[in-house]
């Protein structure tokens, strides 16, 4: 939680519900049975993505290190 605040994640993501992007609980529910999800999500955090949650754009988060992205994912 502290890291997600420090890196600005909470500006777009809520814990439970969608704000701009999906809530962390929504992401966890979608990927709960996907063993490779944490690797792919860590990449999306740093590289950005579009289309995974409708038309919402996830901008690149270059201020997040690779190690931090793995923790957040």
PDB file of N, CA and C in Angstrom:
ATOM      1  N   UNK A   1       0.822  -1.187   0.000  1.00  0.00           N
ATOM      2  CA  UNK A   1       0.000   0.000   0.000  1.00  0.00           C
ATOM      3  C   UNK A   1       0.871   1.258   0.000  1.00  0.00           C
ATOM      4  N   UNK A   2       1.890   1.249   0.794  1.00  0.00           N
ATOM      5  CA  UNK A   2       2.779   2.410   0.870  1.00  0.00           C
ATOM      6  C   UNK A   2       3.456   2.667  -0.476  1.00  0.00           C
ATOM      7  N   UNK A   3       3.927   1.600  -1.111  1.00  0.00           N
ATOM      8  CA  UNK A   3       4.590   1.732  -2.408  1.00  0.00           C
ATOM      9  C   UNK A   3       3.610   2.243  -3.466  1.00  0.00           C
ATOM     10  N   UNK A   4       2.395   1.743  -3.451  1.00  0.00           N
ATOM     11  CA  UNK A   4       1.414   2.186  -4.450  1.00  0.00           C
ATOM     12  C   UNK A   4       1.085   3.666  -4.283  1.00  0.00           C
ATOM     13  N   UNK A   5       1.102   4.150  -3.075  1.00  0.00           N
ATOM     14  CA  UNK A   5       0.896   5.587  -2.847  1.00  0.00           C
ATOM     15  C   UNK A   5       2.120   6.383  -3.290  1.00  0.00           C
ATOM     16  N   UNK A   6       3.289   5.896  -2.921  1.00  0.00           N
ATOM     17  CA  UNK A   6       4.532   6.613  -3.233  1.00  0.00           C
ATOM     18  C   UNK A   6       4.758   6.733  -4.737  1.00  0.00           C
ATOM     19  N   UNK A   7       4.314   5.755  -5.494  1.00  0.00           N
ATOM     20  CA  UNK A   7       4.539   5.758  -6.940  1.00  0.00           C
ATOM     21  C   UNK A   7       3.347   6.298  -7.728  1.00  0.00           C
ATOM     22  N   UNK A   8       2.341   6.805  -7.040  1.00  0.00           N
ATOM     23  CA  UNK A   8       1.225   7.469  -7.706  1.00  0.00           C
ATOM     24  C   UNK A   8       0.113   6.566  -8.209  1.00  0.00           C
ATOM     25  N   UNK A   9       0.158   5.298  -7.889  1.00  0.00           N
ATOM     26  CA  UNK A   9      -0.859   4.358  -8.371  1.00  0.00           C
ATOM     27  C   UNK A   9      -2.264   4.739  -7.900  1.00  0.00           C
ATOM     28  N   UNK A  10      -2.343   5.242  -6.680  1.00  0.00           N
ATOM     29  CA  UNK A  10      -3.635   5.538  -6.080  1.00  0.00           C
ATOM     30  C   UNK A  10      -4.326   6.733  -6.738  1.00  0.00           C
ATOM     31  N   UNK A  11      -3.613   7.468  -7.568  1.00  0.00           N
ATOM     32  CA  UNK A  11      -4.237   8.559  -8.303  1.00  0.00           C
ATOM     33  C   UNK A  11      -5.248   8.064  -9.333  1.00  0.00           C
ATOM     34  N   UNK A  12      -5.065   6.840  -9.805  1.00  0.00           N
ATOM     35  CA  UNK A  12      -5.966   6.261 -10.817  1.00  0.00           C
ATOM     36  C   UNK A  12      -6.658   4.981 -10.361  1.00  0.00           C
ATOM     37  N   UNK A  13      -6.074   4.285  -9.401  1.00  0.00           N
ATOM     38  CA  UNK A  13      -6.599   2.988  -8.965  1.00  0.00           C
ATOM     39  C   UNK A  13      -7.041   3.052  -7.514  1.00  0.00           C
ATOM     40  N   UNK A  14      -8.254   2.568  -7.246  1.00  0.00           N
ATOM     41  CA  UNK A  14      -8.717   2.416  -5.877  1.00  0.00           C
ATOM     42  C   UNK A  14      -8.353   1.032  -5.373  1.00  0.00           C
ATOM     43  N   UNK A  15      -8.549   0.812  -4.105  1.00  0.00           N
ATOM     44  CA  UNK A  15      -8.299  -0.522  -3.560  1.00  0.00           C
ATOM     45  C   UNK A  15      -9.377  -1.504  -4.020  1.00  0.00           C
ATOM     46  N   UNK A  16     -10.626  -1.071  -3.978  1.00  0.00           N
ATOM     47  CA  UNK A  16     -11.733  -1.975  -4.277  1.00  0.00           C
ATOM     48  C   UNK A  16     -12.422  -1.690  -5.601  1.00  0.00           C
ATOM     49  N   UNK A  17     -12.549  -0.429  -5.950  1.00  0.00           N
ATOM     50  CA  UNK A  17     -13.352  -0.050  -7.111  1.00  0.00           C
ATOM     51  C   UNK A  17     -12.558   0.746  -8.129  1.00  0.00           C
ATOM     52  N   UNK A  18     -13.108   0.777  -9.319  1.00  0.00           N
ATOM     53  CA  UNK A  18     -12.535   1.558 -10.404  1.00  0.00           C
ATOM     54  C   UNK A  18     -12.601   3.040 -10.067  1.00  0.00           C
ATOM     55  N   UNK A  19     -11.515   3.728 -10.373  1.00  0.00           N
ATOM     56  CA  UNK A  19     -11.517   5.188 -10.381  1.00  0.00           C
ATOM     57  C   UNK A  19     -11.325   5.562 -11.849  1.00  0.00           C
ATOM     58  N   UNK A  20     -10.110   5.804 -12.267  1.00  0.00           N
ATOM     59  CA  UNK A  20      -9.806   5.958 -13.692  1.00  0.00           C
ATOM     60  C   UNK A  20      -9.534   4.571 -14.265  1.00  0.00           C
ATOM     61  N   UNK A  21      -8.657   3.849 -13.584  1.00  0.00           N
ATOM     62  CA  UNK A  21      -8.360   2.463 -13.933  1.00  0.00           C
ATOM     63  C   UNK A  21      -9.014   1.541 -12.917  1.00  0.00           C
ATOM     64  N   UNK A  22      -8.916   0.247 -13.124  1.00  0.00           N
ATOM     65  CA  UNK A  22      -9.574  -0.712 -12.240  1.00  0.00           C
ATOM     66  C   UNK A  22      -9.000  -0.678 -10.828  1.00  0.00           C
ATOM     67  N   UNK A  23      -9.830  -1.061  -9.866  1.00  0.00           N
ATOM     68  CA  UNK A  23      -9.364  -1.201  -8.493  1.00  0.00           C
ATOM     69  C   UNK A  23      -8.460  -2.415  -8.357  1.00  0.00           C
ATOM     70  N   UNK A  24      -7.611  -2.392  -7.355  1.00  0.00           N
ATOM     71  CA  UNK A  24      -6.694  -3.518  -7.150  1.00  0.00           C
ATOM     72  C   UNK A  24      -7.451  -4.823  -6.936  1.00  0.00           C
ATOM     73  N   UNK A  25      -8.599  -4.766  -6.249  1.00  0.00           N
ATOM     74  CA  UNK A  25      -9.390  -5.978  -6.033  1.00  0.00           C
ATOM     75  C   UNK A  25      -9.927  -6.522  -7.355  1.00  0.00           C
ATOM     76  N   UNK A  26     -10.299  -5.631  -8.273  1.00  0.00           N
ATOM     77  CA  UNK A  26     -10.784  -6.063  -9.590  1.00  0.00           C
ATOM     78  C   UNK A  26      -9.673  -6.740 -10.386  1.00  0.00           C
ATOM     79  N   UNK A  27      -8.483  -6.186 -10.326  1.00  0.00           N
ATOM     80  CA  UNK A  27      -7.339  -6.780 -11.031  1.00  0.00           C
ATOM     81  C   UNK A  27      -7.039  -8.159 -10.447  1.00  0.00           C
ATOM     82  N   UNK A  28      -7.023  -8.247  -9.117  1.00  0.00           N
ATOM     83  CA  UNK A  28      -6.745  -9.529  -8.460  1.00  0.00           C
ATOM     84  C   UNK A  28      -7.777 -10.583  -8.852  1.00  0.00           C
ATOM     85  N   UNK A  29      -9.040 -10.192  -8.900  1.00  0.00           N
ATOM     86  CA  UNK A  29     -10.101 -11.133  -9.273  1.00  0.00           C
ATOM     87  C   UNK A  29      -9.938 -11.611 -10.715  1.00  0.00           C
ATOM     88  N   UNK A  30      -9.641 -10.699 -11.624  1.00  0.00           N
ATOM     89  CA  UNK A  30      -9.509 -11.072 -13.037  1.00  0.00           C
ATOM     90  C   UNK A  30      -8.361 -12.054 -13.257  1.00  0.00           C
ATOM     91  N   UNK A  31      -7.263 -11.866 -12.556  1.00  0.00           N
ATOM     92  CA  UNK A  31      -6.054 -12.647 -12.820  1.00  0.00           C
ATOM     93  C   UNK A  31      -5.768 -13.728 -11.781  1.00  0.00           C
ATOM     94  N   UNK A  32      -6.714 -14.016 -10.908  1.00  0.00           N
ATOM     95  CA  UNK A  32      -6.465 -14.933  -9.792  1.00  0.00           C
ATOM     96  C   UNK A  32      -6.038 -16.335 -10.220  1.00  0.00           C
ATOM     97  N   UNK A  33      -6.470 -16.798 -11.359  1.00  0.00           N
ATOM     98  CA  UNK A  33      -6.120 -18.154 -11.813  1.00  0.00           C
ATOM     99  C   UNK A  33      -5.037 -18.170 -12.882  1.00  0.00           C
ATOM    100  N   UNK A  34      -4.392 -17.045 -13.090  1.00  0.00           N
ATOM    101  CA  UNK A  34      -3.376 -16.913 -14.138  1.00  0.00           C
ATOM    102  C   UNK A  34      -1.986 -16.886 -13.498  1.00  0.00           C
ATOM    103  N   UNK A  35      -1.268 -17.984 -13.599  1.00  0.00           N
ATOM    104  CA  UNK A  35       0.041 -18.102 -12.949  1.00  0.00           C
ATOM    105  C   UNK A  35       1.068 -17.120 -13.494  1.00  0.00           C
ATOM    106  N   UNK A  36       0.910 -16.683 -14.726  1.00  0.00           N
ATOM    107  CA  UNK A  36       1.884 -15.764 -15.321  1.00  0.00           C
ATOM    108  C   UNK A  36       1.460 -14.299 -15.218  1.00  0.00           C
ATOM    109  N   UNK A  37       0.363 -14.036 -14.559  1.00  0.00           N
ATOM    110  CA  UNK A  37      -0.178 -12.674 -14.505  1.00  0.00           C
ATOM    111  C   UNK A  37       0.779 -11.678 -13.865  1.00  0.00           C
ATOM    112  N   UNK A  38       1.448 -12.062 -12.803  1.00  0.00           N
ATOM    113  CA  UNK A  38       2.306 -11.089 -12.114  1.00  0.00           C
ATOM    114  C   UNK A  38       3.439 -10.607 -13.014  1.00  0.00           C
ATOM    115  N   UNK A  39       3.976 -11.486 -13.834  1.00  0.00           N
ATOM    116  CA  UNK A  39       5.042 -11.091 -14.762  1.00  0.00           C
ATOM    117  C   UNK A  39       4.488 -10.129 -15.809  1.00  0.00           C
ATOM    118  N   UNK A  40       3.349 -10.480 -16.392  1.00  0.00           N
ATOM    119  CA  UNK A  40       2.748  -9.626 -17.423  1.00  0.00           C
ATOM    120  C   UNK A  40       2.286  -8.288 -16.854  1.00  0.00           C
ATOM    121  N   UNK A  41       1.733  -8.296 -15.648  1.00  0.00           N
ATOM    122  CA  UNK A  41       1.291  -7.043 -15.035  1.00  0.00           C
ATOM    123  C   UNK A  41       2.468  -6.137 -14.703  1.00  0.00           C
ATOM    124  N   UNK A  42       3.562  -6.711 -14.248  1.00  0.00           N
ATOM    125  CA  UNK A  42       4.756  -5.905 -13.961  1.00  0.00           C
ATOM    126  C   UNK A  42       5.251  -5.215 -15.232  1.00  0.00           C
ATOM    127  N   UNK A  43       5.201  -5.915 -16.343  1.00  0.00           N
ATOM    128  CA  UNK A  43       5.604  -5.319 -17.623  1.00  0.00           C
ATOM    129  C   UNK A  43       4.644  -4.198 -18.005  1.00  0.00           C
ATOM    130  N   UNK A  44       3.340  -4.430 -17.842  1.00  0.00           N
ATOM    131  CA  UNK A  44       2.342  -3.409 -18.172  1.00  0.00           C
ATOM    132  C   UNK A  44       2.494  -2.166 -17.302  1.00  0.00           C
ATOM    133  N   UNK A  45       2.861  -2.344 -16.054  1.00  0.00           N
ATOM    134  CA  UNK A  45       3.057  -1.193 -15.170  1.00  0.00           C
ATOM    135  C   UNK A  45       4.132  -0.284 -15.743  1.00  0.00           C
ATOM    136  N   UNK A  46       5.239  -0.861 -16.137  1.00  0.00           N
ATOM    137  CA  UNK A  46       6.360  -0.047 -16.637  1.00  0.00           C
ATOM    138  C   UNK A  46       6.169   0.419 -18.075  1.00  0.00           C
ATOM    139  N   UNK A  47       5.600  -0.423 -18.927  1.00  0.00           N
ATOM    140  CA  UNK A  47       5.497  -0.103 -20.353  1.00  0.00           C
ATOM    141  C   UNK A  47       4.194   0.592 -20.725  1.00  0.00           C
ATOM    142  N   UNK A  48       3.181   0.438 -19.876  1.00  0.00           N
ATOM    143  CA  UNK A  48       1.868   0.968 -20.198  1.00  0.00           C
ATOM    144  C   UNK A  48       1.084  -0.019 -21.049  1.00  0.00           C
ATOM    145  N   UNK A  49      -0.211   0.226 -21.190  1.00  0.00           N
ATOM    146  CA  UNK A  49      -1.052  -0.631 -22.026  1.00  0.00           C
ATOM    147  C   UNK A  49      -2.360   0.093 -22.327  1.00  0.00           C
ATOM    148  N   UNK A  50      -3.090  -0.463 -23.250  1.00  0.00           N
ATOM    149  CA  UNK A  50      -4.414   0.061 -23.588  1.00  0.00           C
ATOM    150  C   UNK A  50      -5.286  -1.112 -24.015  1.00  0.00           C
ATOM    151  N   UNK A  51      -6.546  -1.074 -23.628  1.00  0.00           N
ATOM    152  CA  UNK A  51      -7.490  -2.086 -24.070  1.00  0.00           C
ATOM    153  C   UNK A  51      -7.755  -3.217 -23.106  1.00  0.00           C
ATOM    154  N   UNK A  52      -6.949  -3.392 -22.093  1.00  0.00           N
ATOM    155  CA  UNK A  52      -7.166  -4.490 -21.152  1.00  0.00           C
ATOM    156  C   UNK A  52      -8.423  -4.269 -20.312  1.00  0.00           C
ATOM    157  N   UNK A  53      -8.785  -3.009 -20.098  1.00  0.00           N
ATOM    158  CA  UNK A  53      -9.955  -2.648 -19.287  1.00  0.00           C
ATOM    159  C   UNK A  53     -10.824  -1.658 -20.058  1.00  0.00           C
ATOM    160  N   UNK A  54     -11.143  -1.995 -21.277  1.00  0.00           N
ATOM    161  CA  UNK A  54     -11.927  -1.085 -22.112  1.00  0.00           C
ATOM    162  C   UNK A  54     -11.005  -0.082 -22.784  1.00  0.00           C
ATOM    163  N   UNK A  55     -11.460   1.146 -22.879  1.00  0.00           N
ATOM    164  CA  UNK A  55     -10.688   2.168 -23.584  1.00  0.00           C
ATOM    165  C   UNK A  55      -9.727   2.918 -22.673  1.00  0.00           C
ATOM    166  N   UNK A  56      -9.622   2.506 -21.439  1.00  0.00           N
ATOM    167  CA  UNK A  56      -8.742   3.172 -20.481  1.00  0.00           C
ATOM    168  C   UNK A  56      -7.280   2.936 -20.855  1.00  0.00           C
ATOM    169  N   UNK A  57      -6.505   3.997 -20.848  1.00  0.00           N
ATOM    170  CA  UNK A  57      -5.073   3.910 -21.149  1.00  0.00           C
ATOM    171  C   UNK A  57      -4.285   3.855 -19.846  1.00  0.00           C
ATOM    172  N   UNK A  58      -3.411   2.878 -19.746  1.00  0.00           N
ATOM    173  CA  UNK A  58      -2.467   2.800 -18.624  1.00  0.00           C
ATOM    174  C   UNK A  58      -1.164   3.391 -19.135  1.00  0.00           C
ATOM    175  N   UNK A  59      -0.816   4.616 -18.711  1.00  0.00           N
ATOM    176  CA  UNK A  59       0.419   5.222 -19.204  1.00  0.00           C
ATOM    177  C   UNK A  59       1.660   4.530 -18.641  1.00  0.00           C
ATOM    178  N   UNK A  60       2.761   4.682 -19.334  1.00  0.00           N
ATOM    179  CA  UNK A  60       4.041   4.154 -18.841  1.00  0.00           C
ATOM    180  C   UNK A  60       4.318   4.717 -17.457  1.00  0.00           C
ATOM    181  N   UNK A  61       4.849   3.885 -16.598  1.00  0.00           N
ATOM    182  CA  UNK A  61       5.219   4.312 -15.250  1.00  0.00           C
ATOM    183  C   UNK A  61       6.732   4.134 -15.099  1.00  0.00           C
ATOM    184  N   UNK A  62       7.474   4.977 -15.791  1.00  0.00           N
ATOM    185  CA  UNK A  62       8.928   4.833 -15.823  1.00  0.00           C
ATOM    186  C   UNK A  62       9.585   5.173 -14.495  1.00  0.00           C
ATOM    187  N   UNK A  63       8.856   5.847 -13.601  1.00  0.00           N
ATOM    188  CA  UNK A  63       9.405   6.138 -12.278  1.00  0.00           C
ATOM    189  C   UNK A  63       9.411   4.893 -11.384  1.00  0.00           C
ATOM    190  N   UNK A  64       8.701   3.854 -11.810  1.00  0.00           N
ATOM    191  CA  UNK A  64       8.635   2.596 -11.071  1.00  0.00           C
ATOM    192  C   UNK A  64       9.759   1.692 -11.569  1.00  0.00           C
ATOM    193  N   UNK A  65      10.593   1.219 -10.660  1.00  0.00           N
ATOM    194  CA  UNK A  65      11.674   0.317 -11.055  1.00  0.00           C
ATOM    195  C   UNK A  65      11.099  -1.064 -11.391  1.00  0.00           C
ATOM    196  N   UNK A  66      11.905  -1.891 -12.047  1.00  0.00           N
ATOM    197  CA  UNK A  66      11.460  -3.250 -12.357  1.00  0.00           C
ATOM    198  C   UNK A  66      11.134  -4.020 -11.083  1.00  0.00           C
ATOM    199  N   UNK A  67      11.961  -3.864 -10.061  1.00  0.00           N
ATOM    200  CA  UNK A  67      11.722  -4.555  -8.791  1.00  0.00           C
ATOM    201  C   UNK A  67      10.424  -4.073  -8.147  1.00  0.00           C
ATOM    202  N   UNK A  68      10.178  -2.771  -8.189  1.00  0.00           N
ATOM    203  CA  UNK A  68       8.938  -2.234  -7.629  1.00  0.00           C
ATOM    204  C   UNK A  68       7.727  -2.724  -8.414  1.00  0.00           C
ATOM    205  N   UNK A  69       7.844  -2.786  -9.730  1.00  0.00           N
ATOM    206  CA  UNK A  69       6.740  -3.270 -10.564  1.00  0.00           C
ATOM    207  C   UNK A  69       6.389  -4.711 -10.211  1.00  0.00           C
ATOM    208  N   UNK A  70       7.388  -5.523  -9.950  1.00  0.00           N
ATOM    209  CA  UNK A  70       7.126  -6.913  -9.549  1.00  0.00           C
ATOM    210  C   UNK A  70       6.396  -6.961  -8.211  1.00  0.00           C
ATOM    211  N   UNK A  71       6.765  -6.091  -7.279  1.00  0.00           N
ATOM    212  CA  UNK A  71       6.076  -6.038  -5.987  1.00  0.00           C
ATOM    213  C   UNK A  71       4.632  -5.570  -6.145  1.00  0.00           C
ATOM    214  N   UNK A  72       4.426  -4.568  -6.969  1.00  0.00           N
ATOM    215  CA  UNK A  72       3.084  -4.035  -7.179  1.00  0.00           C
ATOM    216  C   UNK A  72       2.181  -5.019  -7.914  1.00  0.00           C
ATOM    217  N   UNK A  73       2.765  -5.803  -8.807  1.00  0.00           N
ATOM    218  CA  UNK A  73       1.976  -6.768  -9.583  1.00  0.00           C
ATOM    219  C   UNK A  73       1.539  -7.913  -8.697  1.00  0.00           C
TER     220      UNK A  73
END
